[in-house]
């Protein structure tokens, strides 16, 4: 904690005499505090003070007066201390001289409270004020034993009255009934060094929910609390480590994927959280981490499927093969969801680069798709992989992902053979819409058009398999070749003479 904050916390641990010194001789001055109360006026004029009846209720939850013969709050017949609460109405009041001998019009709403020194000692502020060093008798009082003090206040006077009334009870539950009330009373209890009230307010705030506004008020008050008082409050709003947001969001994604009962709704909720998260860097880091981890699972599962261990029993090997394919398909669907979220949030650059650097993975896919044994196990697996490729390729072609030349080249170079195998194996209509592969073809041709002509020449020749349908069904391929030949026929202008 900053030095200034430590200084404020030490203020409550030091002698309260310094806080009360300005209130001597009937000219009260409150200590520096979060409530902002400061110096008060001198002895009050009786005609300028609004008398508070001992039977008045200052707050709806104020505790009942203590039973006789104990001193009663605001009992003028037995009081030996008269305290005038002077509300500030102008910032200039804070600089008002404590030597003022009477209240002016700004203090016309001053409230006079009758108190008892035997009770006021519960407050360290009043304990110091009433010490022998600072006592001053009011010679104009009918009783020489009555002390009179002024206190300038900036908070609502009713809140001060409630705190003063709590000096007369040990049960604060009737007065502290909401977070808002506790936050109203806490600054005053801190100002008056009323430790029992401070502890009760803090204990209540620890146990109840806060609104956003109340949370802000709590954070403004914690610097004035002792470390042991503020620790629970700060623990509610302060993460234990700097990676808490990342771990929370990653955990939400994992939970959504594992929620077999209602995975669609869980994914939709996490997608909404991702869209509304204020820190885009957190979303980027978490999505990139999840993408890398889930891609690794898919690759390892497919590798084990493509290279089985035949040392096992045949039936057991077949069961393991089925398990690997199901696992690859499940995590492939998770990858597709992640790709869609990354593109939506425009944080898919790293995913596109990683997807373009998978020569071994695409080789395993080609090997798997040439094998008919998987068709009746996970017929939708090729479509899942191709949709991931299509989403990233379309984002690159549209400029939503600004991919480098090498990324664009490798994406087409490594994934084009997978598309061709799918077409040659008749997978274009197996577990996927017919348009999926047509869209992939058109998108790859668009990306090829962004490459240098030497790279485009090599890749376009591999795209000839797109013409397995009639010529009329593949105008995108014809257009791509025409564009390449038009560019190749362009005459290079001579260099300008210098």
Protein backbone atom coordinates (compact mmCIF):
# COMPACT_ATOMS: atom_id res chain seq x y z
CA UNK A 1 0.00 0.00 0.00
CA UNK A 2 1.17 3.53 -0.77
CA UNK A 3 2.86 5.57 2.00
CA UNK A 4 0.01 8.03 2.09
CA UNK A 5 -2.44 5.22 2.76
CA UNK A 6 -0.28 3.81 5.53
CA UNK A 7 -0.17 7.25 7.09
CA UNK A 8 -3.94 7.42 7.12
CA UNK A 9 -4.17 4.00 8.73
CA UNK A 10 -1.61 4.91 11.37
CA UNK A 11 -3.72 7.96 12.18
CA UNK A 12 -6.27 5.74 13.91
CA UNK A 13 -3.59 3.95 15.90
CA UNK A 14 -2.02 7.14 17.25
CA UNK A 15 -3.27 9.25 20.13
CA UNK A 16 -6.63 10.82 19.52
CA UNK A 17 -5.64 13.90 21.48
CA UNK A 18 -4.37 15.67 18.36
CA UNK A 19 -7.72 15.08 16.66
CA UNK A 20 -9.62 16.65 19.50
CA UNK A 21 -7.30 19.56 20.26
CA UNK A 22 -9.07 21.99 17.96
CA UNK A 23 -12.34 21.40 19.81
CA UNK A 24 -11.05 22.81 23.10
CA UNK A 25 -12.71 25.77 24.76
CA UNK A 26 -16.01 25.05 23.03
CA UNK A 27 -14.72 25.57 19.46
CA UNK A 28 -14.95 22.10 17.94
CA UNK A 29 -12.85 20.87 14.98
CA UNK A 30 -13.18 17.38 13.56
CA UNK A 31 -10.14 15.39 12.41
CA UNK A 32 -9.30 14.88 8.76
CA UNK A 33 -11.50 12.01 7.61
CA UNK A 34 -13.24 10.47 4.61
CA UNK A 35 -16.41 12.33 5.49
CA UNK A 36 -14.68 15.64 5.04
CA UNK A 37 -15.77 17.17 8.36
CA UNK A 38 -13.55 20.00 9.49
CA UNK A 39 -13.44 22.94 11.84
CA UNK A 40 -16.57 24.05 13.63
CA UNK A 41 -17.75 27.38 14.97
CA UNK A 42 -17.33 28.68 18.53
CA UNK A 43 -19.97 28.59 21.29
CA UNK A 44 -23.37 28.53 19.72
CA UNK A 45 -26.07 31.11 20.18
CA UNK A 46 -29.14 29.38 21.72
CA UNK A 47 -31.46 31.10 19.25
CA UNK A 48 -29.46 29.77 16.29
CA UNK A 49 -29.57 26.09 17.30
CA UNK A 50 -32.38 23.70 16.39
CA UNK A 51 -33.15 21.73 19.53
CA UNK A 52 -33.44 17.97 19.07
CA UNK A 53 -36.00 16.29 21.29
CA UNK A 54 -34.79 13.31 23.26
CA UNK A 55 -37.74 11.34 21.89
CA UNK A 56 -37.10 12.23 18.24
CA UNK A 57 -36.21 9.45 15.79
CA UNK A 58 -33.29 10.48 13.62
CA UNK A 59 -33.24 7.31 11.52
CA UNK A 60 -35.84 4.65 11.14
CA UNK A 61 -33.45 2.03 12.46
CA UNK A 62 -31.98 3.94 15.43
CA UNK A 63 -31.67 1.77 18.52
CA UNK A 64 -33.91 2.44 21.47
CA UNK A 65 -32.44 4.45 24.35
CA UNK A 66 -30.84 2.48 27.13
CA UNK A 67 -33.03 1.73 30.11
CA UNK A 68 -32.75 3.87 33.27
CA UNK A 69 -30.65 4.36 35.33
CA UNK A 70 -28.15 4.15 32.45
CA UNK A 71 -27.63 7.46 30.63
CA UNK A 72 -30.12 8.02 27.83
CA UNK A 73 -29.19 9.48 24.48
CA UNK A 74 -30.09 13.16 24.13
CA UNK A 75 -31.45 13.40 27.69
CA UNK A 76 -31.10 17.07 28.61
CA UNK A 77 -31.92 16.46 32.26
CA UNK A 78 -28.85 14.32 32.91
CA UNK A 79 -26.43 15.40 30.13
CA UNK A 80 -23.07 16.89 31.03
CA UNK A 81 -21.99 17.53 27.41
CA UNK A 82 -23.79 19.65 24.82
CA UNK A 83 -22.63 19.04 21.24
CA UNK A 84 -23.68 21.33 18.37
CA UNK A 85 -23.55 19.75 14.89
CA UNK A 86 -23.07 22.52 12.34
CA UNK A 87 -23.82 21.47 8.72
CA UNK A 88 -21.58 23.01 6.10
CA UNK A 89 -23.38 24.69 3.22
CA UNK A 90 -20.33 26.12 1.46
CA UNK A 91 -16.78 24.91 0.75
CA UNK A 92 -15.62 28.09 2.47
CA UNK A 93 -16.85 26.64 5.75
CA UNK A 94 -13.88 24.29 5.76
CA UNK A 95 -11.56 27.23 6.24
CA UNK A 96 -13.69 28.95 8.82
CA UNK A 97 -11.76 30.13 11.84
CA UNK A 98 -12.30 28.11 15.02
CA UNK A 99 -12.19 31.34 17.03
CA UNK A 100 -15.62 32.41 15.85
CA UNK A 101 -17.72 33.26 18.88
CA UNK A 102 -21.18 32.67 17.42
CA UNK A 103 -22.98 30.88 14.64
CA UNK A 104 -23.81 32.84 11.51
CA UNK A 105 -26.66 32.28 9.05
CA UNK A 106 -24.83 29.37 7.39
CA UNK A 107 -25.28 27.41 10.60
CA UNK A 108 -28.96 28.18 11.08
CA UNK A 109 -29.72 24.45 10.81
CA UNK A 110 -27.31 23.43 13.56
CA UNK A 111 -28.46 20.51 15.70
CA UNK A 112 -27.87 20.45 19.44
CA UNK A 113 -27.39 17.06 21.10
CA UNK A 114 -27.30 16.30 24.84
CA UNK A 115 -24.69 13.67 25.66
CA UNK A 116 -22.88 12.10 28.59
CA UNK A 117 -19.14 12.08 29.08
CA UNK A 118 -19.26 8.60 30.63
CA UNK A 119 -20.61 7.29 27.32
CA UNK A 120 -18.56 9.49 24.99
CA UNK A 121 -15.37 7.81 26.19
CA UNK A 122 -16.24 4.90 23.85
CA UNK A 123 -15.07 7.23 21.07
CA UNK A 124 -11.32 7.86 21.12
CA UNK A 125 -11.96 11.28 19.62
CA UNK A 126 -14.28 12.34 22.45
CA UNK A 127 -12.11 10.54 24.99
CA UNK A 128 -9.25 12.85 24.04
CA UNK A 129 -11.57 15.85 23.85
CA UNK A 130 -12.82 15.22 27.36
CA UNK A 131 -9.39 14.61 28.84
CA UNK A 132 -8.24 17.00 31.55
CA UNK A 133 -5.90 18.77 29.18
CA UNK A 134 -8.64 19.96 26.83
CA UNK A 135 -11.65 20.40 29.14
CA UNK A 136 -13.25 23.80 29.22
CA UNK A 137 -16.36 24.61 31.20
CA UNK A 138 -19.11 26.79 29.81
CA UNK A 139 -19.33 29.60 32.32
CA UNK A 140 -22.69 30.72 30.89
CA UNK A 141 -24.23 27.30 31.51
CA UNK A 142 -26.59 26.92 34.49
CA UNK A 143 -24.39 24.05 35.60
CA UNK A 144 -20.65 24.45 35.91
CA UNK A 145 -20.29 20.77 35.07
CA UNK A 146 -21.75 21.06 31.53
CA UNK A 147 -19.31 21.10 28.62
CA UNK A 148 -20.25 22.63 25.28
CA UNK A 149 -18.60 21.78 21.93
CA UNK A 150 -19.19 22.52 18.25
CA UNK A 151 -18.56 20.12 15.37
CA UNK A 152 -18.75 21.16 11.70
CA UNK A 153 -20.08 18.33 9.54
CA UNK A 154 -20.37 17.85 5.79
CA UNK A 155 -22.25 14.53 5.88
CA UNK A 156 -26.00 14.46 6.51
CA UNK A 157 -26.59 15.48 10.11
CA UNK A 158 -28.93 12.51 10.64
CA UNK A 159 -26.04 10.11 10.00
CA UNK A 160 -23.96 11.86 12.68
CA UNK A 161 -26.86 11.69 15.10
CA UNK A 162 -27.26 7.95 14.44
CA UNK A 163 -23.56 7.30 15.14
CA UNK A 164 -23.77 9.33 18.36
CA UNK A 165 -26.84 7.36 19.43
CA UNK A 166 -24.94 4.11 18.84
CA UNK A 167 -22.53 5.14 21.59
CA UNK A 168 -25.37 4.26 23.98
CA UNK A 169 -25.84 0.66 22.82
CA UNK A 170 -23.90 -2.51 22.10
CA UNK A 171 -26.43 -3.76 19.56
CA UNK A 172 -25.91 -2.07 16.17
CA UNK A 173 -28.12 -4.45 14.19
CA UNK A 174 -31.18 -2.17 14.31
CA UNK A 175 -29.27 0.75 12.82
CA UNK A 176 -27.02 -1.03 10.27
CA UNK A 177 -29.55 -2.73 8.03
CA UNK A 178 -28.13 -2.19 4.52
CA UNK A 179 -24.84 -1.67 2.74
CA UNK A 180 -25.85 1.90 1.99
CA UNK A 181 -26.49 2.63 5.68
CA UNK A 182 -23.19 1.04 6.70
CA UNK A 183 -21.39 3.20 4.14
CA UNK A 184 -23.12 6.31 5.47
CA UNK A 185 -22.10 5.57 9.07
CA UNK A 186 -18.59 4.19 8.50
CA UNK A 187 -16.89 7.50 7.54
CA UNK A 188 -18.34 9.17 10.64
CA UNK A 189 -17.32 6.28 12.89
CA UNK A 190 -13.81 6.58 11.44
CA UNK A 191 -13.79 10.33 12.03
CA UNK A 192 -14.88 9.97 15.64
CA UNK A 193 -12.59 6.94 16.16
CA UNK A 194 -15.58 4.90 17.31
CA UNK A 195 -13.97 1.48 16.90
CA UNK A 196 -17.00 -0.66 17.83
CA UNK A 197 -19.10 1.06 15.17
CA UNK A 198 -16.29 0.76 12.61
CA UNK A 199 -16.04 -2.99 13.21
CA UNK A 200 -19.80 -3.45 12.97
CA UNK A 201 -20.00 -1.53 9.67
CA UNK A 202 -17.08 -3.46 8.19
CA UNK A 203 -18.50 -6.79 9.35
CA UNK A 204 -21.85 -5.97 7.72
CA UNK A 205 -20.20 -4.88 4.44
CA UNK A 206 -18.21 -8.10 4.34
CA UNK A 207 -21.36 -10.19 4.47
CA UNK A 208 -23.72 -8.50 1.99
CA UNK A 209 -23.72 -7.88 -1.79
CA UNK A 210 -22.90 -4.41 -3.15
CA UNK A 211 -24.17 -2.41 -6.07
CA UNK A 212 -21.57 -0.97 -8.42
CA UNK A 213 -21.94 2.44 -6.73
CA UNK A 214 -21.57 0.88 -3.26
CA UNK A 215 -18.48 -1.00 -4.40
CA UNK A 216 -16.93 2.29 -5.46
CA UNK A 217 -17.69 3.79 -2.04
CA UNK A 218 -16.16 0.78 -0.29
CA UNK A 219 -12.97 1.15 -2.33
CA UNK A 220 -12.78 4.84 -1.41
CA UNK A 221 -13.00 3.98 2.29
CA UNK A 222 -10.58 1.04 2.49
CA UNK A 223 -7.48 3.29 2.69
CA UNK A 224 -8.80 4.60 6.01
CA UNK A 225 -9.23 1.13 7.48
CA UNK A 226 -6.63 -0.97 9.24
CA UNK A 227 -5.11 -3.81 7.23
CA UNK A 228 -7.03 -6.48 9.13
CA UNK A 229 -10.30 -4.57 8.58
CA UNK A 230 -9.85 -4.00 4.85
CA UNK A 231 -8.42 -7.41 3.90
CA UNK A 232 -11.79 -9.15 3.45
CA UNK A 233 -13.27 -6.20 1.57
CA UNK A 234 -10.30 -5.97 -0.79
CA UNK A 235 -10.26 -9.74 -1.33
CA UNK A 236 -13.72 -9.44 -2.89
CA UNK A 237 -12.60 -7.00 -5.59
CA UNK A 238 -8.85 -7.70 -5.94
CA UNK A 239 -7.64 -10.78 -7.88
CA UNK A 240 -5.03 -12.97 -6.25
CA UNK A 241 -2.80 -12.89 -9.31
CA UNK A 242 -2.51 -11.01 -12.58
CA UNK A 243 -3.66 -14.02 -14.63
CA UNK A 244 -7.03 -14.38 -12.88
CA UNK A 245 -9.03 -13.06 -15.86
CA UNK A 246 -7.27 -15.43 -18.24
CA UNK A 247 -7.83 -18.45 -16.01
CA UNK A 248 -11.48 -17.53 -15.41
CA UNK A 249 -12.26 -17.15 -19.11
CA UNK A 250 -10.34 -20.28 -20.09
CA UNK A 251 -12.21 -22.19 -17.39
CA UNK A 252 -15.54 -20.95 -18.76
CA UNK A 253 -14.64 -22.21 -22.24
CA UNK A 254 -13.62 -25.60 -20.86
CA UNK A 255 -16.83 -25.86 -18.83
CA UNK A 256 -18.97 -24.94 -21.84
CA UNK A 257 -17.31 -27.63 -23.98
CA UNK A 258 -17.74 -30.26 -21.26
CA UNK A 259 -21.38 -29.44 -20.55
CA UNK A 260 -22.87 -32.39 -22.41
CA UNK A 261 -26.39 -31.70 -21.15
CA UNK A 262 -26.67 -28.26 -22.76
CA UNK A 263 -23.49 -27.50 -24.66
CA UNK A 264 -25.17 -25.20 -27.22
CA UNK A 265 -26.57 -22.82 -24.57
CA UNK A 266 -23.30 -22.84 -22.64
CA UNK A 267 -21.32 -21.96 -25.76
CA UNK A 268 -23.78 -19.19 -26.61
CA UNK A 269 -23.38 -17.67 -23.14
CA UNK A 270 -19.57 -17.80 -23.29
CA UNK A 271 -19.69 -16.25 -26.78
CA UNK A 272 -21.71 -13.35 -25.35
CA UNK A 273 -19.19 -12.92 -22.51
CA UNK A 274 -16.34 -12.86 -25.04
CA UNK A 275 -18.10 -10.19 -27.11
CA UNK A 276 -18.69 -7.98 -24.08
CA UNK A 277 -15.36 -8.42 -22.30
CA UNK A 278 -13.68 -5.05 -21.92
CA UNK A 279 -10.09 -6.28 -22.21
CA UNK A 280 -9.63 -7.55 -25.78
CA UNK A 281 -6.09 -8.72 -25.03
CA UNK A 282 -7.45 -11.17 -22.46
CA UNK A 283 -9.87 -12.61 -25.04
CA UNK A 284 -7.05 -12.90 -27.57
CA UNK A 285 -4.69 -14.72 -25.19
CA UNK A 286 -7.33 -17.14 -23.93
CA UNK A 287 -8.68 -17.99 -27.39
CA UNK A 288 -5.20 -18.51 -28.78
CA UNK A 289 -4.31 -20.77 -25.86
CA UNK A 290 -7.51 -22.80 -26.26
CA UNK A 291 -7.01 -23.06 -30.03
CA UNK A 292 -3.46 -24.38 -29.63
CA UNK A 293 -4.45 -26.92 -26.97
CA UNK A 294 -7.50 -28.26 -28.79
CA UNK A 295 -5.65 -28.43 -32.13
CA UNK A 296 -2.97 -30.50 -30.41
CA UNK A 297 -5.63 -32.97 -29.21
CA UNK A 298 -7.10 -33.30 -32.71
CA UNK A 299 -3.67 -33.82 -34.26
CA UNK A 300 -2.61 -36.43 -31.70
CA UNK A 301 -5.91 -38.33 -32.02
CA UNK A 302 -5.70 -38.37 -35.80
CA UNK A 303 -2.05 -39.41 -35.72
CA UNK A 304 -2.90 -42.37 -33.49
CA UNK A 305 -5.74 -43.29 -35.84
CA UNK A 306 -3.54 -43.05 -38.93
CA UNK A 307 -0.69 -45.08 -37.33
CA UNK A 308 -2.33 -47.66 -35.05
CA UNK A 309 -0.36 -50.04 -32.85
CA UNK A 310 -1.15 -53.47 -34.32
CA UNK A 311 0.57 -55.25 -31.44
CA UNK A 312 -2.74 -55.06 -29.61
CA UNK A 313 -5.66 -57.44 -30.11
CA UNK A 314 -7.58 -56.71 -33.31
CA UNK A 315 -10.84 -55.95 -31.52
CA UNK A 316 -9.06 -53.74 -29.02
CA UNK A 317 -7.23 -51.91 -31.80
CA UNK A 318 -10.52 -51.26 -33.58
CA UNK A 319 -12.07 -49.90 -30.38
CA UNK A 320 -9.12 -47.58 -29.90
CA UNK A 321 -9.45 -46.44 -33.51
CA UNK A 322 -13.09 -45.56 -33.00
CA UNK A 323 -12.25 -43.71 -29.79
CA UNK A 324 -9.54 -41.67 -31.54
CA UNK A 325 -11.88 -40.68 -34.36
CA UNK A 326 -14.66 -39.64 -31.99
CA UNK A 327 -12.18 -37.61 -29.94
CA UNK A 328 -10.79 -35.89 -33.04
CA UNK A 329 -14.31 -35.05 -34.21
CA UNK A 330 -15.43 -33.70 -30.82
CA UNK A 331 -12.41 -31.46 -30.42
CA UNK A 332 -12.66 -30.48 -34.08
CA UNK A 333 -16.10 -29.04 -33.36
CA UNK A 334 -14.59 -27.13 -30.44
CA UNK A 335 -11.92 -25.79 -32.81
CA UNK A 336 -14.59 -24.61 -35.24
CA UNK A 337 -16.36 -22.70 -32.45
CA UNK A 338 -13.06 -21.12 -31.39
CA UNK A 339 -12.24 -20.11 -34.96
CA UNK A 340 -15.65 -18.45 -35.33
CA UNK A 341 -15.20 -16.52 -32.09
CA UNK A 342 -11.67 -15.40 -33.02
CA UNK A 343 -12.81 -14.17 -36.41
CA UNK A 344 -15.79 -12.41 -34.84
CA UNK A 345 -13.49 -10.59 -32.40
CA UNK A 346 -10.84 -10.01 -35.11
CA UNK A 347 -8.13 -11.80 -33.14
CA UNK A 348 -7.57 -14.76 -35.49
CA UNK A 349 -4.15 -13.84 -36.92
CA UNK A 350 -2.24 -16.36 -34.80
CA UNK A 351 -4.79 -19.11 -35.52
CA UNK A 352 -4.52 -18.55 -39.28
CA UNK A 353 -0.74 -18.72 -39.10
CA UNK A 354 -0.80 -21.92 -37.02
CA UNK A 355 -3.40 -23.52 -39.31
CA UNK A 356 -1.14 -22.84 -42.32
CA UNK A 357 1.83 -24.62 -40.72
CA UNK A 358 0.40 -28.14 -40.48
CA UNK A 359 1.96 -30.30 -43.22
CA UNK A 360 1.98 -33.44 -41.03
CA UNK A 361 -1.60 -32.87 -39.90
CA UNK A 362 -2.91 -32.39 -43.44
CA UNK A 363 -0.98 -35.50 -44.53
CA UNK A 364 -2.72 -37.52 -41.79
CA UNK A 365 -6.07 -36.12 -42.90
CA UNK A 366 -5.46 -37.19 -46.49
CA UNK A 367 -4.49 -40.66 -45.31
CA UNK A 368 -7.59 -40.90 -43.11
CA UNK A 369 -9.98 -39.67 -45.79
CA UNK A 370 -8.70 -42.27 -48.27
CA UNK A 371 -9.62 -44.98 -45.78
CA UNK A 372 -13.27 -46.00 -45.86
CA UNK A 373 -13.31 -47.53 -42.37
CA UNK A 374 -14.14 -44.24 -40.65
CA UNK A 375 -17.21 -43.42 -42.80
CA UNK A 376 -19.66 -45.20 -40.52
CA UNK A 377 -18.02 -43.98 -37.33
CA UNK A 378 -17.83 -40.17 -37.73
CA UNK A 379 -19.20 -39.23 -41.17
CA UNK A 380 -19.15 -35.52 -40.29
CA UNK A 381 -15.43 -35.34 -39.47
CA UNK A 382 -14.22 -34.10 -42.92
CA UNK A 383 -16.86 -31.35 -42.94
CA UNK A 384 -15.73 -30.12 -39.50
CA UNK A 385 -12.10 -29.82 -40.64
CA UNK A 386 -13.05 -28.21 -43.93
CA UNK A 387 -15.29 -25.66 -42.21
CA UNK A 388 -12.38 -24.58 -39.99
CA UNK A 389 -10.26 -24.14 -43.12
CA UNK A 390 -13.03 -22.31 -44.95
CA UNK A 391 -13.68 -19.86 -42.09
CA UNK A 392 -10.01 -18.88 -41.85
CA UNK A 393 -9.56 -18.73 -45.63
CA UNK A 394 -12.63 -16.52 -46.10
CA UNK A 395 -11.44 -14.15 -43.36
CA UNK A 396 -8.06 -13.90 -45.11
CA UNK A 397 -9.62 -13.33 -48.53
CA UNK A 398 -11.94 -10.66 -47.10
CA UNK A 399 -9.10 -8.83 -45.35
CA UNK A 400 -10.47 -9.49 -41.84
CA UNK A 401 -7.21 -11.34 -41.21
CA UNK A 402 -4.18 -9.58 -42.68
CA UNK A 403 -2.04 -12.64 -43.35
CA UNK A 404 1.52 -12.46 -44.66
CA UNK A 405 2.36 -13.85 -48.10
CA UNK A 406 3.94 -16.96 -46.58
CA UNK A 407 0.81 -17.67 -44.52
CA UNK A 408 -1.47 -17.28 -47.54
CA UNK A 409 0.76 -19.50 -49.67
CA UNK A 410 1.13 -22.28 -47.10
CA UNK A 411 -2.57 -22.30 -46.26
CA UNK A 412 -3.49 -23.09 -49.87
CA UNK A 413 -0.46 -25.32 -50.45
CA UNK A 414 -1.11 -27.61 -47.45
CA UNK A 415 -4.91 -27.65 -47.40
CA UNK A 416 -5.63 -27.78 -51.15
CA UNK A 417 -4.63 -31.48 -51.31
CA UNK A 418 -7.09 -32.24 -48.50
CA UNK A 419 -9.90 -30.61 -50.45
CA UNK A 420 -8.94 -32.59 -53.56
CA UNK A 421 -8.92 -35.89 -51.63
CA UNK A 422 -12.37 -35.09 -50.25
CA UNK A 423 -13.68 -34.44 -53.75
CA UNK A 424 -12.02 -37.53 -55.25
CA UNK A 425 -13.38 -39.73 -52.44
CA UNK A 426 -16.91 -38.48 -52.93
CA UNK A 427 -16.98 -36.69 -49.60
CA UNK A 428 -18.42 -33.51 -51.05
CA UNK A 429 -21.91 -34.80 -50.33
CA UNK A 430 -21.12 -36.93 -47.27
CA UNK A 431 -22.20 -35.28 -44.05
CA UNK A 432 -21.84 -31.76 -45.48
CA UNK A 433 -23.65 -29.40 -47.81
CA UNK A 434 -22.55 -29.43 -51.46
CA UNK A 435 -21.68 -25.72 -51.26
CA UNK A 436 -18.95 -26.29 -48.67
CA UNK A 437 -16.39 -27.53 -51.16
CA UNK A 438 -17.46 -25.07 -53.83
CA UNK A 439 -16.96 -22.25 -51.35
CA UNK A 440 -13.52 -23.64 -50.47
CA UNK A 441 -12.54 -23.75 -54.13
CA UNK A 442 -13.62 -20.18 -54.77
CA UNK A 443 -11.92 -18.91 -51.62
CA UNK A 444 -8.63 -20.67 -52.41
CA UNK A 445 -8.70 -19.21 -55.92
CA UNK A 446 -9.24 -15.74 -54.45
CA UNK A 447 -6.23 -16.19 -52.18
CA UNK A 448 -4.13 -17.49 -55.08
CA UNK A 449 -4.91 -14.27 -56.95
CA UNK A 450 -3.12 -12.35 -54.16
CA UNK A 451 0.16 -14.29 -54.57
CA UNK A 452 3.11 -13.60 -56.87
CA UNK A 453 2.58 -15.09 -60.32
CA UNK A 454 5.23 -17.78 -59.84
CA UNK A 455 3.46 -19.12 -56.76
CA UNK A 456 0.05 -18.74 -58.39
CA UNK A 457 1.24 -20.71 -61.44
CA UNK A 458 2.16 -23.76 -59.36
CA UNK A 459 -0.98 -23.69 -57.24
CA UNK A 460 -3.40 -23.11 -60.13
CA UNK A 461 -2.17 -26.21 -61.89
CA UNK A 462 -3.17 -28.24 -58.81
CA UNK A 463 -6.62 -26.69 -58.95
CA UNK A 464 -7.43 -28.31 -62.28
CA UNK A 465 -9.21 -31.07 -60.38
CA UNK A 466 -11.91 -28.52 -59.59
CA UNK A 467 -13.18 -29.13 -63.15
CA UNK A 468 -14.47 -32.60 -62.34
CA UNK A 469 -17.89 -31.12 -62.87
CA UNK A 470 -18.93 -29.67 -66.20
CA UNK A 471 -17.21 -26.52 -67.38
CA UNK A 472 -20.37 -24.53 -66.78
CA UNK A 473 -20.33 -25.51 -63.11
CA UNK A 474 -16.86 -24.08 -62.36
CA UNK A 475 -16.76 -20.51 -63.72
CA UNK A 476 -14.56 -19.48 -60.76
CA UNK A 477 -11.77 -21.74 -62.06
CA UNK A 478 -12.06 -20.36 -65.60
CA UNK A 479 -11.94 -16.81 -64.26
CA UNK A 480 -8.83 -17.59 -62.21
CA UNK A 481 -6.94 -18.94 -65.22
CA UNK A 482 -8.03 -16.04 -67.41
CA UNK A 483 -6.79 -13.58 -64.75
CA UNK A 484 -3.41 -15.32 -64.55
CA UNK A 485 -2.93 -15.35 -68.36
CA UNK A 486 -4.01 -11.72 -68.62
CA UNK A 487 -1.39 -10.70 -66.08
CA UNK A 488 1.25 -12.91 -67.69
CA UNK A 489 0.63 -11.26 -71.07
CA UNK A 490 1.07 -7.76 -69.73
CA UNK A 491 4.00 -5.90 -71.22
CA UNK A 492 6.41 -4.67 -68.60
CA UNK A 493 6.96 -0.93 -69.10
CA UNK A 494 10.56 0.10 -69.74
CA UNK A 495 12.49 1.71 -66.95
CA UNK A 496 12.45 5.50 -66.87
CA UNK A 497 15.78 6.97 -68.03
CA UNK A 498 17.59 8.84 -65.33
